[in-house]
């Protein structure tokens, strides 16, 4: 389901939106807005994941326990 909304943009914001369309990064203004919202959602998700990782590190827990010891594996000489 989609919902139509009305928003107010200043001239700079509208120009940036139209540039996305003119440069072919979005098919139309609506798609450009959806791209912006998707980026916002990714940023929100990354901040949440970052907070979890910081909390684990502060507690001294392994952040990626399945990778523990990977750096200790024997490596061939580079020379």
Protein backbone atom coordinates (compact mmCIF):
# COMPACT_ATOMS: atom_id res chain seq x y z
CA UNK A 1 0.00 0.00 0.00
CA UNK A 2 1.24 3.50 -0.74
CA UNK A 3 0.14 6.80 0.74
CA UNK A 4 0.41 10.13 -1.01
CA UNK A 5 1.73 13.00 1.12
CA UNK A 6 2.40 16.68 0.49
CA UNK A 7 5.70 18.25 1.52
CA UNK A 8 7.17 21.73 1.28
CA UNK A 9 10.70 22.13 -0.02
CA UNK A 10 12.80 25.25 -0.35
CA UNK A 11 14.38 26.09 -3.70
CA UNK A 12 17.71 24.38 -2.87
CA UNK A 13 16.02 21.17 -1.74
CA UNK A 14 13.84 21.06 -4.85
CA UNK A 15 16.86 21.71 -7.07
CA UNK A 16 18.72 18.82 -5.41
CA UNK A 17 15.71 16.56 -5.93
CA UNK A 18 15.39 17.57 -9.58
CA UNK A 19 19.13 17.03 -10.10
CA UNK A 20 18.73 13.41 -9.01
CA UNK A 21 16.11 12.98 -11.72
CA UNK A 22 18.00 14.95 -14.37
CA UNK A 23 21.19 12.97 -13.73
CA UNK A 24 19.29 9.70 -14.09
CA UNK A 25 19.71 8.52 -10.51
CA UNK A 26 15.93 8.52 -10.06
CA UNK A 27 13.11 8.16 -12.56
CA UNK A 28 11.05 10.93 -10.96
CA UNK A 29 10.79 13.06 -7.83
CA UNK A 30 8.87 10.40 -5.92
CA UNK A 31 11.58 7.85 -6.55
CA UNK A 32 14.25 10.36 -5.50
CA UNK A 33 12.40 10.93 -2.22
CA UNK A 34 12.10 7.16 -1.69
CA UNK A 35 15.87 6.83 -2.27
CA UNK A 36 16.46 9.47 0.40
CA UNK A 37 14.17 7.68 2.84
CA UNK A 38 15.92 4.37 2.14
CA UNK A 39 19.26 6.02 2.93
CA UNK A 40 17.83 7.43 6.16
CA UNK A 41 16.59 3.95 7.12
CA UNK A 42 20.04 2.44 6.41
CA UNK A 43 21.71 5.13 8.51
CA UNK A 44 19.31 4.44 11.38
CA UNK A 45 20.00 0.70 11.15
CA UNK A 46 23.77 1.26 11.05
CA UNK A 47 23.62 3.51 14.12
CA UNK A 48 21.70 0.80 15.98
CA UNK A 49 24.22 -1.85 14.98
CA UNK A 50 27.10 0.46 15.91
CA UNK A 51 25.61 0.98 19.37
CA UNK A 52 25.41 -2.79 19.86
CA UNK A 53 29.04 -3.26 18.80
CA UNK A 54 30.22 -0.45 21.07
CA UNK A 55 28.34 -1.96 23.99
CA UNK A 56 29.89 -5.39 23.36
CA UNK A 57 33.37 -3.87 23.15
CA UNK A 58 32.88 -1.92 26.38
CA UNK A 59 31.86 -5.11 28.15
CA UNK A 60 34.93 -6.86 26.78
CA UNK A 61 32.90 -9.40 24.85
CA UNK A 62 34.03 -10.77 21.52
CA UNK A 63 32.37 -8.82 18.76
CA UNK A 64 32.76 -11.52 16.12
CA UNK A 65 33.42 -14.74 18.05
CA UNK A 66 33.35 -16.86 14.89
CA UNK A 67 36.36 -14.89 13.62
CA UNK A 68 38.33 -15.21 16.85
CA UNK A 69 41.77 -16.54 16.04
CA UNK A 70 41.64 -15.90 12.30
CA UNK A 71 44.67 -13.64 12.53
CA UNK A 72 46.56 -16.40 14.35
CA UNK A 73 46.38 -18.76 11.37
CA UNK A 74 49.67 -19.46 9.61
CA UNK A 75 50.30 -17.21 6.63
CA UNK A 76 52.83 -17.77 3.85
CA UNK A 77 55.71 -15.32 3.65
CA UNK A 78 55.11 -12.41 1.29
CA UNK A 79 58.70 -12.41 -0.02
